[in-house]
Amino acid sequence: MTVTKLKTLAGSSDIIIVRPWHITIFTFLFSFLILFIFFVVFQPTTLASGPGDFVVPSTNSTGPYNVGSSNSDKSKSNKMLSDKGRLIYFAWAIGLGAAIGLLIHFLLVYYK
């Protein structure tokens, strides 16, 4: 009696098959999430290299914020990302995540 209850609870006796594209999509989504969080937290200035990619305080450290207008604005410690900077980091995270996903996919298909 308990064996049939377990079979119906699990949806009879079907087997879940994990295909390489399942792993590829999971790898892409996971690597995209990790890369985007890493880029937003550490804000590498090599990726967002333009002066308008950051928002910096205009006069003092707590004053109103304006979009950066010079290259020296990137070196300020209390800068934040502008919309353009977030878009650049998003695009880099999508691109690198897709590259990692494709690499894993080709490895899974080749070594199957």
C-alpha atoms as a PDB file:
ATOM      1  CA  MET A   1       0.000   0.000   0.000  1.00  0.00           C
ATOM      2  CA  THR A   2       2.757   2.475   0.868  1.00  0.00           C
ATOM      3  CA  VAL A   3       4.619   1.727  -2.362  1.00  0.00           C
ATOM      4  CA  THR A   4       1.663   2.808  -4.482  1.00  0.00           C
ATOM      5  CA  LYS A   5       1.224   5.981  -2.404  1.00  0.00           C
ATOM      6  CA  LEU A   6       4.844   6.917  -3.033  1.00  0.00           C
ATOM      7  CA  LYS A   7       4.494   6.269  -6.744  1.00  0.00           C
ATOM      8  CA  THR A   8       1.429   8.467  -7.032  1.00  0.00           C
ATOM      9  CA  LEU A   9       3.047  11.168  -4.882  1.00  0.00           C
ATOM     10  CA  ALA A  10       6.023  11.337  -7.248  1.00  0.00           C
ATOM     11  CA  GLY A  11       3.825  11.307 -10.362  1.00  0.00           C
ATOM     12  CA  SER A  12       3.865   7.563 -11.004  1.00  0.00           C
ATOM     13  CA  SER A  13       7.309   6.215 -11.822  1.00  0.00           C
ATOM     14  CA  ASP A  14       8.474   8.817 -14.360  1.00  0.00           C
ATOM     15  CA  ILE A  15      12.144   9.618 -14.592  1.00  0.00           C
ATOM     16  CA  ILE A  16      13.291  13.213 -14.819  1.00  0.00           C
ATOM     17  CA  ILE A  17      15.878  13.555 -17.558  1.00  0.00           C
ATOM     18  CA  VAL A  18      18.332  16.412 -17.292  1.00  0.00           C
ATOM     19  CA  ARG A  19      19.530  17.398 -20.745  1.00  0.00           C
ATOM     20  CA  PRO A  20      22.629  19.485 -21.539  1.00  0.00           C
ATOM     21  CA  TRP A  21      20.527  22.535 -22.390  1.00  0.00           C
ATOM     22  CA  HIS A  22      18.975  22.418 -18.897  1.00  0.00           C
ATOM     23  CA  ILE A  23      22.437  22.695 -17.402  1.00  0.00           C
ATOM     24  CA  THR A  24      23.358  25.398 -19.935  1.00  0.00           C
ATOM     25  CA  ILE A  25      20.392  27.589 -19.017  1.00  0.00           C
ATOM     26  CA  PHE A  26      20.988  27.110 -15.301  1.00  0.00           C
ATOM     27  CA  THR A  27      24.694  27.925 -15.725  1.00  0.00           C
ATOM     28  CA  PHE A  28      23.881  31.051 -17.750  1.00  0.00           C
ATOM     29  CA  LEU A  29      21.352  32.346 -15.220  1.00  0.00           C
ATOM     30  CA  PHE A  30      23.551  31.590 -12.219  1.00  0.00           C
ATOM     31  CA  SER A  31      26.693  33.111 -13.754  1.00  0.00           C
ATOM     32  CA  PHE A  32      24.735  36.186 -14.932  1.00  0.00           C
ATOM     33  CA  LEU A  33      23.388  36.749 -11.425  1.00  0.00           C
ATOM     34  CA  ILE A  34      26.786  36.327  -9.768  1.00  0.00           C
ATOM     35  CA  LEU A  35      28.560  38.550 -12.318  1.00  0.00           C
ATOM     36  CA  PHE A  36      25.953  41.317 -12.115  1.00  0.00           C
ATOM     37  CA  ILE A  37      26.096  41.361  -8.315  1.00  0.00           C
ATOM     38  CA  PHE A  38      29.916  41.392  -8.462  1.00  0.00           C
ATOM     39  CA  PHE A  39      29.955  44.291 -10.955  1.00  0.00           C
ATOM     40  CA  VAL A  40      27.448  46.394  -9.018  1.00  0.00           C
ATOM     41  CA  VAL A  41      29.147  45.840  -5.670  1.00  0.00           C
ATOM     42  CA  PHE A  42      32.765  46.382  -6.737  1.00  0.00           C
ATOM     43  CA  GLN A  43      32.110  48.811  -9.646  1.00  0.00           C
ATOM     44  CA  PRO A  44      35.167  48.093 -11.788  1.00  0.00           C
ATOM     45  CA  THR A  45      36.121  51.309 -13.584  1.00  0.00           C
ATOM     46  CA  THR A  46      37.635  49.345 -16.472  1.00  0.00           C
ATOM     47  CA  LEU A  47      34.144  48.352 -17.661  1.00  0.00           C
ATOM     48  CA  ALA A  48      32.362  51.648 -17.050  1.00  0.00           C
ATOM     49  CA  SER A  49      35.112  53.917 -18.285  1.00  0.00           C
ATOM     50  CA  GLY A  50      33.198  57.039 -19.292  1.00  0.00           C
ATOM     51  CA  PRO A  51      32.816  60.023 -16.985  1.00  0.00           C
ATOM     52  CA  GLY A  52      29.014  59.916 -17.361  1.00  0.00           C
ATOM     53  CA  ASP A  53      28.806  56.368 -16.036  1.00  0.00           C
ATOM     54  CA  PHE A  54      28.885  57.519 -12.426  1.00  0.00           C
ATOM     55  CA  VAL A  55      26.941  59.968 -10.294  1.00  0.00           C
ATOM     56  CA  VAL A  56      29.114  62.049  -7.938  1.00  0.00           C
ATOM     57  CA  PRO A  57      28.382  64.758  -5.343  1.00  0.00           C
ATOM     58  CA  SER A  58      28.626  68.254  -6.787  1.00  0.00           C
ATOM     59  CA  THR A  59      30.058  70.319  -3.912  1.00  0.00           C
ATOM     60  CA  ASN A  60      30.589  68.415  -0.676  1.00  0.00           C
ATOM     61  CA  SER A  61      30.454  64.728   0.196  1.00  0.00           C
ATOM     62  CA  THR A  62      26.767  64.860   1.164  1.00  0.00           C
ATOM     63  CA  GLY A  63      25.525  67.441  -1.323  1.00  0.00           C
ATOM     64  CA  PRO A  64      23.315  66.993  -4.350  1.00  0.00           C
ATOM     65  CA  TYR A  65      24.501  64.413  -6.831  1.00  0.00           C
ATOM     66  CA  ASN A  66      25.175  65.107 -10.514  1.00  0.00           C
ATOM     67  CA  VAL A  67      26.295  62.932 -13.398  1.00  0.00           C
ATOM     68  CA  GLY A  68      30.080  62.839 -13.596  1.00  0.00           C
ATOM     69  CA  SER A  69      31.575  65.113 -16.218  1.00  0.00           C
ATOM     70  CA  SER A  70      35.325  64.466 -16.024  1.00  0.00           C
ATOM     71  CA  ASN A  71      37.661  61.521 -15.707  1.00  0.00           C
ATOM     72  CA  SER A  72      38.630  62.597 -12.179  1.00  0.00           C
ATOM     73  CA  ASP A  73      35.070  61.855 -11.061  1.00  0.00           C
ATOM     74  CA  LYS A  74      35.767  58.124 -11.425  1.00  0.00           C
ATOM     75  CA  SER A  75      38.369  58.261  -8.657  1.00  0.00           C
ATOM     76  CA  LYS A  76      36.017  59.689  -6.017  1.00  0.00           C
ATOM     77  CA  SER A  77      35.210  57.312  -3.211  1.00  0.00           C
ATOM     78  CA  ASN A  78      31.524  58.212  -2.793  1.00  0.00           C
ATOM     79  CA  LYS A  79      30.385  57.723  -6.391  1.00  0.00           C
ATOM     80  CA  MET A  80      27.286  55.797  -7.437  1.00  0.00           C
ATOM     81  CA  LEU A  81      26.295  54.259 -10.746  1.00  0.00           C
ATOM     82  CA  SER A  82      24.203  56.222 -13.211  1.00  0.00           C
ATOM     83  CA  ASP A  83      21.630  54.569 -15.464  1.00  0.00           C
ATOM     84  CA  LYS A  84      24.217  54.323 -18.223  1.00  0.00           C
ATOM     85  CA  GLY A  85      26.711  52.666 -15.852  1.00  0.00           C
ATOM     86  CA  ARG A  86      24.156  50.102 -14.682  1.00  0.00           C
ATOM     87  CA  LEU A  87      23.269  49.336 -18.288  1.00  0.00           C
ATOM     88  CA  ILE A  88      26.948  48.758 -19.130  1.00  0.00           C
ATOM     89  CA  TYR A  89      27.384  46.383 -16.189  1.00  0.00           C
ATOM     90  CA  PHE A  90      24.152  44.592 -17.127  1.00  0.00           C
ATOM     91  CA  ALA A  91      25.353  44.098 -20.709  1.00  0.00           C
ATOM     92  CA  TRP A  92      28.758  42.817 -19.568  1.00  0.00           C
ATOM     93  CA  ALA A  93      27.106  40.387 -17.134  1.00  0.00           C
ATOM     94  CA  ILE A  94      24.708  39.080 -19.841  1.00  0.00           C
ATOM     95  CA  GLY A  95      27.539  38.686 -22.357  1.00  0.00           C
ATOM     96  CA  LEU A  96      29.958  36.961 -19.999  1.00  0.00           C
ATOM     97  CA  GLY A  97      27.162  34.773 -18.604  1.00  0.00           C
ATOM     98  CA  ALA A  98      26.202  33.704 -22.133  1.00  0.00           C
ATOM     99  CA  ALA A  99      29.840  32.942 -22.954  1.00  0.00           C
ATOM    100  CA  ILE A 100      30.199  30.821 -19.813  1.00  0.00           C
ATOM    101  CA  GLY A 101      26.917  29.026 -20.581  1.00  0.00           C
ATOM    102  CA  LEU A 102      27.992  28.288 -24.173  1.00  0.00           C
ATOM    103  CA  LEU A 103      31.382  27.033 -23.014  1.00  0.00           C
ATOM    104  CA  ILE A 104      29.755  24.669 -20.521  1.00  0.00           C
ATOM    105  CA  HIS A 105      27.246  23.557 -23.180  1.00  0.00           C
ATOM    106  CA  PHE A 106      29.962  22.740 -25.718  1.00  0.00           C
ATOM    107  CA  LEU A 107      31.932  20.851 -23.059  1.00  0.00           C
ATOM    108  CA  LEU A 108      28.840  18.847 -22.082  1.00  0.00           C
ATOM    109  CA  VAL A 109      28.039  17.994 -25.717  1.00  0.00           C
ATOM    110  CA  TYR A 110      31.630  17.156 -26.617  1.00  0.00           C
ATOM    111  CA  TYR A 111      32.322  14.917 -23.605  1.00  0.00           C
ATOM    112  CA  LYS A 112      28.938  13.160 -23.606  1.00  0.00           C
END
